[in-house]
Amino acid sequence: MQDLIEIRWHGRGGQGAKTASLLLADAAFNTGKYIQGFPEYGPERMGAPITAYNRISNRPITIHSNIYEPDYVVVVDDTLLESVDVTAGLKETGAIIINTTKDNAYLHDVLHGYSGTIYKIDARKVSMETLGKYFPNTPMLAAVVKVSEIMSDEEFLNDMVGSFKHKFAKKPEVIEGNMKALEMALKSVEKV
């Protein structure tokens, strides 16, 4: 892992991008990393574009600002590709991970010539098959862990069992589906 990895999440209110960024921060912290995880809101309403951020490092983090040149960008809702400049500041050595079923030619076109690595995953399919409902944040969380290699798949899955047991203490029946979503997503990310 690099000394400092910066991640920017783009989603819509209610899709869980903020929650996923905080779960990623917790998982990284639990594997001995220094972390930051924080959202940025515009109008706080369901469906409005939101941005969330992560900083993950092997050393203490002394930066306390938004992230303007991320190593990775996670796009939870592909409708944002045409309305938000999701590649703004994204390092060419980094990658963008998009929840989409759109074809590769469309993605290259809508990303305005971004020459870094592009990954995609059908988070809807993963979510529907494992959870029976559309919750894109769980598959996208696994996708960014897989692409960024912040931690091993095994470390990530082991940590998430504990996180889900805590988060879903009153709904333990959803833990198994969420774990299956993570496992399936780790295998479903594809390079464009």
N, C-alpha and C. Protein backbone atom coordinates (compact mmCIF):
# COMPACT_ATOMS: atom_id res chain seq x y z
N MET A 1 0.84 -1.19 0.00
CA MET A 1 0.00 0.00 0.00
C MET A 1 0.87 1.24 0.00
N GLN A 2 0.45 2.26 -0.74
CA GLN A 2 1.14 3.54 -0.72
C GLN A 2 1.06 4.12 0.69
N ASP A 3 1.89 5.15 0.97
CA ASP A 3 1.83 5.79 2.28
C ASP A 3 0.47 6.42 2.55
N LEU A 4 -0.14 7.01 1.52
CA LEU A 4 -1.44 7.66 1.70
C LEU A 4 -2.30 7.38 0.48
N ILE A 5 -3.48 6.84 0.71
CA ILE A 5 -4.44 6.61 -0.36
C ILE A 5 -5.64 7.50 -0.08
N GLU A 6 -6.06 8.24 -1.12
CA GLU A 6 -7.21 9.12 -0.99
C GLU A 6 -8.31 8.65 -1.95
N ILE A 7 -9.52 8.58 -1.42
CA ILE A 7 -10.66 8.06 -2.19
C ILE A 7 -11.80 9.06 -2.11
N ARG A 8 -12.43 9.29 -3.26
CA ARG A 8 -13.62 10.14 -3.30
C ARG A 8 -14.79 9.29 -3.79
N TRP A 9 -15.90 9.38 -3.08
CA TRP A 9 -17.12 8.65 -3.41
C TRP A 9 -18.16 9.61 -3.98
N HIS A 10 -18.82 9.22 -5.06
CA HIS A 10 -19.94 9.98 -5.62
C HIS A 10 -21.17 9.09 -5.60
N GLY A 11 -22.23 9.59 -5.01
CA GLY A 11 -23.48 8.84 -4.98
C GLY A 11 -24.65 9.80 -4.84
N ARG A 12 -25.79 9.25 -4.55
CA ARG A 12 -26.98 10.06 -4.30
C ARG A 12 -27.47 9.75 -2.89
N GLY A 13 -28.06 10.75 -2.27
CA GLY A 13 -28.59 10.58 -0.92
C GLY A 13 -29.48 9.36 -0.83
N GLY A 14 -29.22 8.51 0.13
CA GLY A 14 -30.02 7.31 0.33
C GLY A 14 -29.42 6.05 -0.26
N GLN A 15 -28.33 6.18 -1.04
CA GLN A 15 -27.72 4.99 -1.65
C GLN A 15 -26.63 4.38 -0.77
N GLY A 16 -26.25 5.05 0.30
CA GLY A 16 -25.28 4.48 1.22
C GLY A 16 -23.82 4.79 0.94
N ALA A 17 -23.53 5.78 0.10
CA ALA A 17 -22.13 6.11 -0.19
C ALA A 17 -21.41 6.57 1.09
N LYS A 18 -22.09 7.40 1.88
CA LYS A 18 -21.49 7.88 3.13
C LYS A 18 -21.25 6.70 4.07
N THR A 19 -22.23 5.83 4.20
CA THR A 19 -22.09 4.67 5.07
C THR A 19 -20.94 3.78 4.61
N ALA A 20 -20.84 3.55 3.30
CA ALA A 20 -19.76 2.71 2.77
C ALA A 20 -18.40 3.33 3.05
N SER A 21 -18.29 4.65 2.91
CA SER A 21 -17.00 5.30 3.19
C SER A 21 -16.63 5.16 4.66
N LEU A 22 -17.62 5.23 5.54
CA LEU A 22 -17.34 5.08 6.98
C LEU A 22 -17.01 3.62 7.33
N LEU A 23 -17.69 2.66 6.67
CA LEU A 23 -17.35 1.25 6.89
C LEU A 23 -15.94 0.95 6.40
N LEU A 24 -15.55 1.55 5.27
CA LEU A 24 -14.18 1.37 4.77
C LEU A 24 -13.17 1.93 5.76
N ALA A 25 -13.47 3.11 6.31
CA ALA A 25 -12.58 3.71 7.30
C ALA A 25 -12.44 2.80 8.52
N ASP A 26 -13.54 2.26 9.00
CA ASP A 26 -13.51 1.36 10.16
C ASP A 26 -12.69 0.11 9.87
N ALA A 27 -12.91 -0.49 8.69
CA ALA A 27 -12.19 -1.71 8.34
C ALA A 27 -10.69 -1.45 8.23
N ALA A 28 -10.33 -0.33 7.63
CA ALA A 28 -8.90 0.01 7.50
C ALA A 28 -8.29 0.26 8.88
N PHE A 29 -9.02 0.96 9.74
CA PHE A 29 -8.55 1.22 11.11
C PHE A 29 -8.32 -0.10 11.85
N ASN A 30 -9.25 -1.02 11.69
CA ASN A 30 -9.14 -2.31 12.38
C ASN A 30 -8.01 -3.18 11.86
N THR A 31 -7.45 -2.84 10.71
CA THR A 31 -6.27 -3.56 10.21
C THR A 31 -4.99 -2.78 10.48
N GLY A 32 -5.08 -1.78 11.37
CA GLY A 32 -3.89 -1.08 11.81
C GLY A 32 -3.52 0.18 11.03
N LYS A 33 -4.43 0.64 10.19
CA LYS A 33 -4.14 1.84 9.39
C LYS A 33 -4.66 3.10 10.09
N TYR A 34 -4.12 4.22 9.68
CA TYR A 34 -4.64 5.52 10.09
C TYR A 34 -5.70 5.90 9.07
N ILE A 35 -6.78 6.51 9.53
CA ILE A 35 -7.90 6.72 8.62
C ILE A 35 -8.58 8.07 8.82
N GLN A 36 -9.28 8.49 7.77
CA GLN A 36 -10.25 9.56 7.83
C GLN A 36 -11.41 9.14 6.93
N GLY A 37 -12.61 9.40 7.35
CA GLY A 37 -13.79 9.13 6.53
C GLY A 37 -14.81 10.21 6.84
N PHE A 38 -15.22 10.97 5.81
CA PHE A 38 -16.12 12.08 6.06
C PHE A 38 -16.94 12.40 4.81
N PRO A 39 -18.18 12.86 5.01
CA PRO A 39 -19.05 13.23 3.88
C PRO A 39 -19.00 14.73 3.61
N GLU A 40 -19.50 15.10 2.44
CA GLU A 40 -19.74 16.50 2.11
C GLU A 40 -21.14 16.55 1.51
N TYR A 41 -21.97 17.39 2.05
CA TYR A 41 -23.35 17.45 1.60
C TYR A 41 -23.62 18.75 0.86
N GLY A 42 -24.54 18.65 -0.09
CA GLY A 42 -25.17 19.84 -0.66
C GLY A 42 -26.53 19.88 0.01
N PRO A 43 -27.58 20.08 -0.76
CA PRO A 43 -28.92 20.02 -0.17
C PRO A 43 -29.15 18.59 0.34
N GLU A 44 -29.46 18.47 1.60
CA GLU A 44 -29.60 17.13 2.19
C GLU A 44 -30.99 16.57 1.92
N ARG A 45 -31.09 15.85 0.81
CA ARG A 45 -32.37 15.22 0.49
C ARG A 45 -32.11 13.93 -0.27
N MET A 46 -33.09 13.05 -0.20
CA MET A 46 -33.01 11.78 -0.91
C MET A 46 -32.77 12.04 -2.39
N GLY A 47 -31.80 11.35 -2.96
CA GLY A 47 -31.55 11.47 -4.40
C GLY A 47 -30.62 12.59 -4.81
N ALA A 48 -30.30 13.50 -3.91
CA ALA A 48 -29.38 14.60 -4.25
C ALA A 48 -27.95 14.05 -4.29
N PRO A 49 -27.12 14.59 -5.19
CA PRO A 49 -25.72 14.14 -5.25
C PRO A 49 -25.01 14.40 -3.92
N ILE A 50 -24.25 13.42 -3.48
CA ILE A 50 -23.42 13.59 -2.28
C ILE A 50 -22.01 13.12 -2.61
N THR A 51 -21.08 13.61 -1.83
CA THR A 51 -19.68 13.21 -1.97
C THR A 51 -19.20 12.79 -0.59
N ALA A 52 -18.41 11.74 -0.55
CA ALA A 52 -17.80 11.28 0.70
C ALA A 52 -16.33 11.00 0.40
N TYR A 53 -15.53 10.98 1.44
CA TYR A 53 -14.09 10.86 1.27
C TYR A 53 -13.48 9.88 2.26
N ASN A 54 -12.36 9.30 1.85
CA ASN A 54 -11.52 8.48 2.74
C ASN A 54 -10.07 8.85 2.52
N ARG A 55 -9.33 8.90 3.62
CA ARG A 55 -7.87 8.90 3.58
C ARG A 55 -7.44 7.70 4.40
N ILE A 56 -6.52 6.92 3.85
CA ILE A 56 -6.04 5.72 4.53
C ILE A 56 -4.54 5.69 4.39
N SER A 57 -3.84 5.48 5.52
CA SER A 57 -2.39 5.55 5.50
C SER A 57 -1.78 4.60 6.52
N ASN A 58 -0.52 4.27 6.29
CA ASN A 58 0.24 3.51 7.28
C ASN A 58 0.87 4.44 8.32
N ARG A 59 0.77 5.73 8.10
CA ARG A 59 1.35 6.73 9.01
C ARG A 59 0.26 7.71 9.44
N PRO A 60 0.49 8.44 10.54
CA PRO A 60 -0.51 9.43 10.95
C PRO A 60 -0.83 10.41 9.82
N ILE A 61 -2.08 10.79 9.72
CA ILE A 61 -2.54 11.70 8.67
C ILE A 61 -2.67 13.10 9.26
N THR A 62 -1.98 14.05 8.67
CA THR A 62 -1.99 15.42 9.19
C THR A 62 -2.79 16.37 8.30
N ILE A 63 -3.31 15.89 7.19
CA ILE A 63 -4.11 16.71 6.28
C ILE A 63 -5.56 16.70 6.77
N HIS A 64 -6.19 17.86 6.79
CA HIS A 64 -7.59 17.93 7.22
C HIS A 64 -8.36 18.84 6.26
N SER A 65 -8.58 18.35 5.06
CA SER A 65 -9.31 19.11 4.04
C SER A 65 -10.04 18.12 3.15
N ASN A 66 -10.82 18.65 2.23
CA ASN A 66 -11.43 17.78 1.23
C ASN A 66 -10.32 17.16 0.39
N ILE A 67 -10.68 16.21 -0.43
CA ILE A 67 -9.71 15.54 -1.29
C ILE A 67 -9.91 16.06 -2.71
N TYR A 68 -8.87 16.68 -3.24
CA TYR A 68 -8.96 17.30 -4.56
C TYR A 68 -8.27 16.49 -5.65
N GLU A 69 -7.35 15.63 -5.27
CA GLU A 69 -6.64 14.79 -6.23
C GLU A 69 -6.63 13.35 -5.73
N PRO A 70 -7.79 12.69 -5.82
CA PRO A 70 -7.90 11.33 -5.27
C PRO A 70 -7.12 10.30 -6.09
N ASP A 71 -6.76 9.22 -5.41
CA ASP A 71 -6.15 8.08 -6.08
C ASP A 71 -7.24 7.21 -6.70
N TYR A 72 -8.39 7.17 -6.04
CA TYR A 72 -9.51 6.35 -6.51
C TYR A 72 -10.80 7.15 -6.39
N VAL A 73 -11.69 6.93 -7.35
CA VAL A 73 -13.03 7.50 -7.30
C VAL A 73 -14.01 6.35 -7.42
N VAL A 74 -15.02 6.36 -6.55
CA VAL A 74 -16.07 5.34 -6.57
C VAL A 74 -17.37 6.04 -6.97
N VAL A 75 -18.00 5.56 -8.04
CA VAL A 75 -19.26 6.14 -8.52
C VAL A 75 -20.36 5.12 -8.24
N VAL A 76 -21.19 5.43 -7.25
CA VAL A 76 -22.23 4.51 -6.80
C VAL A 76 -23.45 4.56 -7.74
N ASP A 77 -23.63 5.68 -8.44
CA ASP A 77 -24.78 5.86 -9.32
C ASP A 77 -24.31 6.38 -10.67
N ASP A 78 -24.42 5.57 -11.71
CA ASP A 78 -23.86 5.97 -13.01
C ASP A 78 -24.61 7.12 -13.68
N THR A 79 -25.78 7.52 -13.16
CA THR A 79 -26.45 8.70 -13.72
C THR A 79 -25.65 9.97 -13.41
N LEU A 80 -24.77 9.90 -12.44
CA LEU A 80 -23.93 11.06 -12.10
C LEU A 80 -22.84 11.30 -13.15
N LEU A 81 -22.55 10.30 -13.97
CA LEU A 81 -21.47 10.44 -14.95
C LEU A 81 -21.71 11.59 -15.92
N GLU A 82 -22.98 11.89 -16.18
CA GLU A 82 -23.29 12.94 -17.14
C GLU A 82 -23.55 14.29 -16.48
N SER A 83 -23.64 14.33 -15.16
CA SER A 83 -23.93 15.60 -14.49
C SER A 83 -22.84 16.08 -13.53
N VAL A 84 -21.94 15.20 -13.15
CA VAL A 84 -20.87 15.55 -12.21
C VAL A 84 -19.53 15.17 -12.86
N ASP A 85 -18.54 16.03 -12.72
CA ASP A 85 -17.21 15.71 -13.27
C ASP A 85 -16.51 14.77 -12.29
N VAL A 86 -16.83 13.49 -12.38
CA VAL A 86 -16.33 12.51 -11.42
C VAL A 86 -14.83 12.28 -11.53
N THR A 87 -14.23 12.62 -12.65
CA THR A 87 -12.78 12.43 -12.80
C THR A 87 -11.98 13.67 -12.43
N ALA A 88 -12.64 14.72 -11.97
CA ALA A 88 -11.93 15.96 -11.60
C ALA A 88 -10.82 15.65 -10.60
N GLY A 89 -9.59 15.95 -10.99
CA GLY A 89 -8.46 15.76 -10.10
C GLY A 89 -7.99 14.33 -9.94
N LEU A 90 -8.73 13.37 -10.50
CA LEU A 90 -8.37 11.96 -10.34
C LEU A 90 -7.03 11.68 -10.98
N LYS A 91 -6.12 11.12 -10.20
CA LYS A 91 -4.77 10.83 -10.69
C LYS A 91 -4.80 9.80 -11.81
N GLU A 92 -4.00 10.02 -12.82
CA GLU A 92 -3.90 9.08 -13.95
C GLU A 92 -3.37 7.72 -13.48
N THR A 93 -2.63 7.72 -12.37
CA THR A 93 -2.10 6.47 -11.82
C THR A 93 -3.12 5.75 -10.95
N GLY A 94 -4.26 6.38 -10.75
CA GLY A 94 -5.31 5.81 -9.93
C GLY A 94 -6.31 5.04 -10.75
N ALA A 95 -7.54 5.01 -10.27
CA ALA A 95 -8.59 4.28 -10.98
C ALA A 95 -9.95 4.81 -10.56
N ILE A 96 -10.91 4.60 -11.46
CA ILE A 96 -12.31 4.92 -11.16
C ILE A 96 -13.08 3.61 -11.18
N ILE A 97 -13.99 3.44 -10.21
CA ILE A 97 -14.78 2.23 -10.08
C ILE A 97 -16.25 2.65 -10.17
N ILE A 98 -16.95 2.12 -11.16
CA ILE A 98 -18.30 2.59 -11.46
C ILE A 98 -19.31 1.45 -11.34
N ASN A 99 -20.41 1.74 -10.67
CA ASN A 99 -21.55 0.82 -10.63
C ASN A 99 -22.34 1.05 -11.90
N THR A 100 -22.21 0.15 -12.86
CA THR A 100 -22.88 0.36 -14.14
C THR A 100 -23.01 -0.93 -14.93
N THR A 101 -23.93 -0.89 -15.87
CA THR A 101 -24.04 -1.96 -16.87
C THR A 101 -23.80 -1.37 -18.26
N LYS A 102 -23.42 -0.10 -18.32
CA LYS A 102 -23.17 0.57 -19.60
C LYS A 102 -21.97 -0.07 -20.28
N ASP A 103 -21.93 0.04 -21.62
CA ASP A 103 -20.82 -0.57 -22.35
C ASP A 103 -19.55 0.27 -22.22
N ASN A 104 -18.43 -0.38 -22.50
CA ASN A 104 -17.12 0.24 -22.31
C ASN A 104 -16.93 1.49 -23.16
N ALA A 105 -17.44 1.49 -24.40
CA ALA A 105 -17.30 2.66 -25.27
C ALA A 105 -17.99 3.87 -24.65
N TYR A 106 -19.20 3.67 -24.12
CA TYR A 106 -19.92 4.76 -23.45
C TYR A 106 -19.09 5.30 -22.29
N LEU A 107 -18.54 4.41 -21.47
CA LEU A 107 -17.77 4.85 -20.31
C LEU A 107 -16.56 5.68 -20.72
N HIS A 108 -15.83 5.23 -21.71
CA HIS A 108 -14.67 6.00 -22.18
C HIS A 108 -15.11 7.37 -22.68
N ASP A 109 -16.23 7.42 -23.37
CA ASP A 109 -16.73 8.67 -23.92
C ASP A 109 -17.18 9.63 -22.81
N VAL A 110 -17.98 9.15 -21.88
CA VAL A 110 -18.54 10.01 -20.84
C VAL A 110 -17.49 10.47 -19.82
N LEU A 111 -16.36 9.77 -19.75
CA LEU A 111 -15.29 10.15 -18.83
C LEU A 111 -14.30 11.11 -19.48
N HIS A 112 -14.65 11.63 -20.64
CA HIS A 112 -13.90 12.71 -21.31
C HIS A 112 -12.41 12.45 -21.42
N GLY A 113 -12.08 11.25 -21.85
CA GLY A 113 -10.68 10.95 -22.12
C GLY A 113 -9.84 10.62 -20.90
N TYR A 114 -10.45 10.35 -19.77
CA TYR A 114 -9.65 9.94 -18.61
C TYR A 114 -8.81 8.74 -19.01
N SER A 115 -7.49 8.85 -18.82
CA SER A 115 -6.60 7.79 -19.31
C SER A 115 -6.13 6.83 -18.22
N GLY A 116 -6.64 7.00 -17.01
CA GLY A 116 -6.32 6.05 -15.95
C GLY A 116 -7.14 4.79 -16.11
N THR A 117 -7.06 3.91 -15.16
CA THR A 117 -7.76 2.63 -15.22
C THR A 117 -9.22 2.80 -14.83
N ILE A 118 -10.09 2.13 -15.57
CA ILE A 118 -11.53 2.16 -15.31
C ILE A 118 -11.98 0.75 -14.96
N TYR A 119 -12.73 0.64 -13.87
CA TYR A 119 -13.32 -0.63 -13.46
C TYR A 119 -14.83 -0.45 -13.38
N LYS A 120 -15.54 -1.54 -13.59
CA LYS A 120 -16.99 -1.47 -13.41
C LYS A 120 -17.48 -2.72 -12.71
N ILE A 121 -18.65 -2.57 -12.11
CA ILE A 121 -19.31 -3.68 -11.44
C ILE A 121 -20.81 -3.42 -11.52
N ASP A 122 -21.58 -4.46 -11.67
CA ASP A 122 -23.03 -4.34 -11.66
C ASP A 122 -23.49 -4.56 -10.22
N ALA A 123 -23.47 -3.48 -9.44
CA ALA A 123 -23.83 -3.58 -8.02
C ALA A 123 -25.31 -3.91 -7.84
N ARG A 124 -26.14 -3.53 -8.81
CA ARG A 124 -27.56 -3.88 -8.73
C ARG A 124 -27.73 -5.40 -8.78
N LYS A 125 -27.06 -6.04 -9.73
CA LYS A 125 -27.16 -7.50 -9.87
C LYS A 125 -26.66 -8.19 -8.60
N VAL A 126 -25.50 -7.77 -8.11
CA VAL A 126 -24.93 -8.37 -6.89
C VAL A 126 -25.90 -8.20 -5.73
N SER A 127 -26.41 -7.00 -5.57
CA SER A 127 -27.31 -6.69 -4.47
C SER A 127 -28.62 -7.48 -4.55
N MET A 128 -29.20 -7.52 -5.73
CA MET A 128 -30.48 -8.24 -5.89
C MET A 128 -30.31 -9.74 -5.66
N GLU A 129 -29.20 -10.30 -6.14
CA GLU A 129 -28.98 -11.75 -5.98
C GLU A 129 -28.69 -12.14 -4.54
N THR A 130 -28.06 -11.26 -3.78
CA THR A 130 -27.63 -11.63 -2.43
C THR A 130 -28.51 -11.04 -1.33
N LEU A 131 -29.11 -9.89 -1.60
CA LEU A 131 -29.90 -9.21 -0.57
C LEU A 131 -31.39 -9.14 -0.91
N GLY A 132 -31.73 -9.36 -2.17
CA GLY A 132 -33.12 -9.29 -2.58
C GLY A 132 -33.64 -7.88 -2.75
N LYS A 133 -32.79 -6.88 -2.52
CA LYS A 133 -33.14 -5.47 -2.67
C LYS A 133 -31.92 -4.74 -3.21
N TYR A 134 -32.14 -3.54 -3.70
CA TYR A 134 -31.05 -2.77 -4.29
C TYR A 134 -30.38 -1.88 -3.24
N PHE A 135 -29.23 -2.35 -2.75
CA PHE A 135 -28.37 -1.59 -1.85
C PHE A 135 -26.98 -1.57 -2.49
N PRO A 136 -26.67 -0.55 -3.30
CA PRO A 136 -25.41 -0.57 -4.04
C PRO A 136 -24.16 -0.36 -3.20
N ASN A 137 -24.32 0.17 -1.99
CA ASN A 137 -23.12 0.51 -1.22
C ASN A 137 -22.31 -0.71 -0.80
N THR A 138 -22.95 -1.81 -0.47
CA THR A 138 -22.20 -3.00 -0.04
C THR A 138 -21.31 -3.54 -1.16
N PRO A 139 -21.82 -3.76 -2.36
CA PRO A 139 -20.93 -4.21 -3.44
C PRO A 139 -19.85 -3.19 -3.80
N MET A 140 -20.18 -1.90 -3.72
CA MET A 140 -19.19 -0.88 -4.08
C MET A 140 -18.08 -0.81 -3.04
N LEU A 141 -18.40 -1.06 -1.80
CA LEU A 141 -17.39 -1.12 -0.75
C LEU A 141 -16.39 -2.22 -1.05
N ALA A 142 -16.89 -3.39 -1.39
CA ALA A 142 -15.99 -4.51 -1.72
C ALA A 142 -15.18 -4.19 -2.98
N ALA A 143 -15.81 -3.54 -3.95
CA ALA A 143 -15.12 -3.22 -5.21
C ALA A 143 -13.92 -2.31 -4.98
N VAL A 144 -14.08 -1.29 -4.14
CA VAL A 144 -12.96 -0.37 -3.91
C VAL A 144 -11.84 -1.05 -3.11
N VAL A 145 -12.20 -1.95 -2.22
CA VAL A 145 -11.17 -2.70 -1.49
C VAL A 145 -10.39 -3.58 -2.47
N LYS A 146 -11.08 -4.24 -3.37
CA LYS A 146 -10.43 -5.12 -4.35
C LYS A 146 -9.48 -4.34 -5.26
N VAL A 147 -9.96 -3.21 -5.79
CA VAL A 147 -9.17 -2.43 -6.74
C VAL A 147 -8.00 -1.73 -6.06
N SER A 148 -8.23 -1.15 -4.90
CA SER A 148 -7.18 -0.35 -4.23
C SER A 148 -6.18 -1.21 -3.47
N GLU A 149 -6.56 -2.44 -3.15
CA GLU A 149 -5.70 -3.34 -2.37
C GLU A 149 -5.28 -2.73 -1.03
N ILE A 150 -6.21 -1.97 -0.43
CA ILE A 150 -5.95 -1.38 0.88
C ILE A 150 -5.69 -2.45 1.92
N MET A 151 -6.36 -3.58 1.75
CA MET A 151 -6.18 -4.73 2.64
C MET A 151 -6.50 -5.97 1.82
N SER A 152 -6.15 -7.11 2.35
CA SER A 152 -6.45 -8.35 1.63
C SER A 152 -7.95 -8.64 1.70
N ASP A 153 -8.43 -9.44 0.77
CA ASP A 153 -9.84 -9.84 0.79
C ASP A 153 -10.18 -10.50 2.12
N GLU A 154 -9.28 -11.35 2.60
CA GLU A 154 -9.53 -12.08 3.85
C GLU A 154 -9.62 -11.12 5.04
N GLU A 155 -8.69 -10.16 5.14
CA GLU A 155 -8.75 -9.17 6.23
C GLU A 155 -10.07 -8.40 6.17
N PHE A 156 -10.44 -8.01 4.97
CA PHE A 156 -11.65 -7.22 4.77
C PHE A 156 -12.89 -8.01 5.19
N LEU A 157 -13.02 -9.23 4.70
CA LEU A 157 -14.20 -10.04 5.03
C LEU A 157 -14.27 -10.35 6.52
N ASN A 158 -13.13 -10.67 7.12
CA ASN A 158 -13.11 -10.94 8.56
C ASN A 158 -13.56 -9.73 9.36
N ASP A 159 -13.11 -8.54 8.97
CA ASP A 159 -13.50 -7.34 9.68
C ASP A 159 -14.98 -7.02 9.48
N MET A 160 -15.46 -7.23 8.27
CA MET A 160 -16.84 -6.88 7.98
C MET A 160 -17.85 -7.76 8.71
N VAL A 161 -17.49 -9.00 9.01
CA VAL A 161 -18.38 -9.84 9.81
C VAL A 161 -18.66 -9.15 11.14
N GLY A 162 -17.60 -8.68 11.80
CA GLY A 162 -17.76 -7.98 13.08
C GLY A 162 -18.53 -6.68 12.93
N SER A 163 -18.22 -5.92 11.88
CA SER A 163 -18.93 -4.65 11.65
C SER A 163 -20.41 -4.88 11.43
N PHE A 164 -20.75 -5.87 10.62
CA PHE A 164 -22.15 -6.15 10.35
C PHE A 164 -22.88 -6.66 11.59
N LYS A 165 -22.19 -7.47 12.41
CA LYS A 165 -22.82 -7.96 13.65
C LYS A 165 -23.19 -6.78 14.55
N HIS A 166 -22.32 -5.77 14.57
CA HIS A 166 -22.59 -4.57 15.38
C HIS A 166 -23.67 -3.72 14.72
N LYS A 167 -23.49 -3.44 13.43
CA LYS A 167 -24.42 -2.56 12.70
C LYS A 167 -25.83 -3.14 12.65
N PHE A 168 -25.91 -4.44 12.46
CA PHE A 168 -27.22 -5.09 12.30
C PHE A 168 -27.58 -5.94 13.53
N ALA A 169 -27.21 -5.48 14.71
CA ALA A 169 -27.49 -6.23 15.94
C ALA A 169 -28.98 -6.53 16.10
N LYS A 170 -29.82 -5.62 15.65
CA LYS A 170 -31.26 -5.83 15.78
C LYS A 170 -31.86 -6.49 14.55
N LYS A 171 -31.05 -6.72 13.52
CA LYS A 171 -31.52 -7.39 12.30
C LYS A 171 -30.48 -8.42 11.85
N PRO A 172 -30.16 -9.40 12.70
CA PRO A 172 -29.10 -10.35 12.35
C PRO A 172 -29.36 -11.15 11.08
N GLU A 173 -30.61 -11.21 10.66
CA GLU A 173 -30.96 -11.97 9.46
C GLU A 173 -30.36 -11.36 8.19
N VAL A 174 -29.92 -10.11 8.22
CA VAL A 174 -29.37 -9.48 7.01
C VAL A 174 -27.85 -9.62 6.91
N ILE A 175 -27.24 -10.13 7.95
CA ILE A 175 -25.77 -10.25 7.95
C ILE A 175 -25.29 -11.20 6.86
N GLU A 176 -25.89 -12.36 6.76
CA GLU A 176 -25.46 -13.37 5.79
C GLU A 176 -25.55 -12.82 4.35
N GLY A 177 -26.65 -12.16 4.02
CA GLY A 177 -26.81 -11.59 2.69
C GLY A 177 -25.77 -10.54 2.38
N ASN A 178 -25.47 -9.69 3.36
CA ASN A 178 -24.45 -8.66 3.16
C ASN A 178 -23.07 -9.26 2.97
N MET A 179 -22.77 -10.31 3.71
CA MET A 179 -21.48 -10.98 3.54
C MET A 179 -21.40 -11.62 2.15
N LYS A 180 -22.49 -12.23 1.70
CA LYS A 180 -22.51 -12.82 0.35
C LYS A 180 -22.34 -11.73 -0.71
N ALA A 181 -22.94 -10.57 -0.47
CA ALA A 181 -22.79 -9.45 -1.42
C ALA A 181 -21.33 -9.02 -1.52
N LEU A 182 -20.65 -8.95 -0.38
CA LEU A 182 -19.22 -8.58 -0.39
C LEU A 182 -18.41 -9.62 -1.14
N GLU A 183 -18.64 -10.89 -0.84
CA GLU A 183 -17.88 -11.96 -1.48
C GLU A 183 -18.11 -11.98 -3.00
N MET A 184 -19.37 -11.82 -3.42
CA MET A 184 -19.68 -11.83 -4.84
C MET A 184 -19.07 -10.60 -5.53
N ALA A 185 -19.13 -9.46 -4.88
CA ALA A 185 -18.59 -8.23 -5.47
C ALA A 185 -17.07 -8.32 -5.64
N LEU A 186 -16.39 -8.92 -4.69
CA LEU A 186 -14.93 -9.06 -4.81
C LEU A 186 -14.56 -9.82 -6.08
N LYS A 187 -15.44 -10.72 -6.52
CA LYS A 187 -15.18 -11.53 -7.71
C LYS A 187 -15.79 -10.91 -8.98
N SER A 188 -16.61 -9.87 -8.83
CA SER A 188 -17.35 -9.34 -9.97
C SER A 188 -16.78 -8.06 -10.59
N VAL A 189 -15.81 -7.46 -9.94
CA VAL A 189 -15.22 -6.23 -10.48
C VAL A 189 -14.44 -6.56 -11.75
N GLU A 190 -14.69 -5.79 -12.81
CA GLU A 190 -13.98 -6.04 -14.04
C GLU A 190 -13.33 -4.78 -14.59
N LYS A 191 -12.15 -4.97 -15.15
CA LYS A 191 -11.43 -3.85 -15.74
C LYS A 191 -12.01 -3.57 -17.13
N VAL A 192 -12.23 -2.29 -17.42
CA VAL A 192 -12.80 -1.88 -18.71
C VAL A 192 -11.68 -1.81 -19.75
